[in-house]
Amino acid sequence: MAIQGTNNNDNLVGTSGNDTIQGLNGNDTLSGLGGNDRLEGGYGNDTLYGGTGNDLFV
């Protein structure tokens, strides 16, 4: 599933499947949960949590 944030501070949470989560701008928190996820923080001071699975942090 593709999940995309905004130019503001976002709290984005994935699913139990494979996700691509993009924070864009702002100070974001990205949580992948289950599955093999790709977490892209973008600009800002971001916090990324992978969860279970083989996750990629960009």
Protein backbone atom coordinates (compact mmCIF):
# COMPACT_ATOMS: atom_id res chain seq x y z
CA MET A 1 0.00 0.00 0.00
CA ALA A 2 1.28 3.49 -0.79
CA ILE A 3 0.93 6.03 2.02
CA GLN A 4 1.99 9.65 1.51
CA GLY A 5 2.19 12.46 4.02
CA THR A 6 1.90 16.21 3.57
CA ASN A 7 4.23 19.18 3.90
CA ASN A 8 3.25 19.34 7.60
CA ASN A 9 4.25 17.13 10.55
CA ASP A 10 2.65 13.72 9.98
CA ASN A 11 2.22 10.46 11.90
CA LEU A 12 1.95 7.78 9.20
CA VAL A 13 1.25 4.13 10.05
CA GLY A 14 1.47 1.24 7.61
CA THR A 15 -0.42 -2.03 7.45
CA SER A 16 0.44 -5.67 8.11
CA GLY A 17 1.35 -5.98 4.40
CA ASN A 18 4.13 -4.46 2.29
CA ASP A 19 3.98 -0.65 2.30
CA THR A 20 5.76 2.33 0.81
CA ILE A 21 5.45 5.26 3.22
CA GLN A 22 6.62 8.75 2.19
CA GLY A 23 6.79 11.51 4.77
CA LEU A 24 7.58 14.40 2.37
CA ASN A 25 8.31 17.67 4.27
CA GLY A 26 7.84 18.34 7.97
CA ASN A 27 8.97 16.42 11.05
CA ASP A 28 7.31 13.07 10.48
CA THR A 29 6.95 9.76 12.29
CA LEU A 30 6.70 6.73 9.98
CA SER A 31 5.80 3.28 11.31
CA GLY A 32 5.93 0.33 8.94
CA LEU A 33 4.38 -2.38 11.17
CA GLY A 34 4.38 -5.81 9.44
CA GLY A 35 5.53 -6.74 5.95
CA ASN A 36 8.54 -5.63 3.94
CA ASP A 37 8.25 -1.84 3.94
CA ARG A 38 10.03 1.08 2.31
CA LEU A 39 10.08 4.16 4.56
CA GLU A 40 11.12 7.47 3.01
CA GLY A 41 11.36 10.29 5.52
CA GLY A 42 11.91 13.18 3.11
CA TYR A 43 12.90 16.62 4.40
CA GLY A 44 12.67 17.48 8.08
CA ASN A 45 13.61 15.75 11.33
CA ASP A 46 11.92 12.38 10.86
CA THR A 47 11.62 9.25 13.01
CA LEU A 48 11.28 5.89 11.24
CA TYR A 49 10.19 2.59 12.80
CA GLY A 50 10.30 -0.54 10.66
CA GLY A 51 8.47 -3.19 12.64
CA THR A 52 8.61 -6.83 11.56
CA GLY A 53 9.78 -7.84 8.09
CA ASN A 54 12.71 -6.69 5.94
CA ASP A 55 12.37 -2.92 5.82
CA LEU A 56 14.27 -0.31 3.81
CA PHE A 57 14.95 3.14 5.29
CA VAL A 58 15.61 5.92 2.75
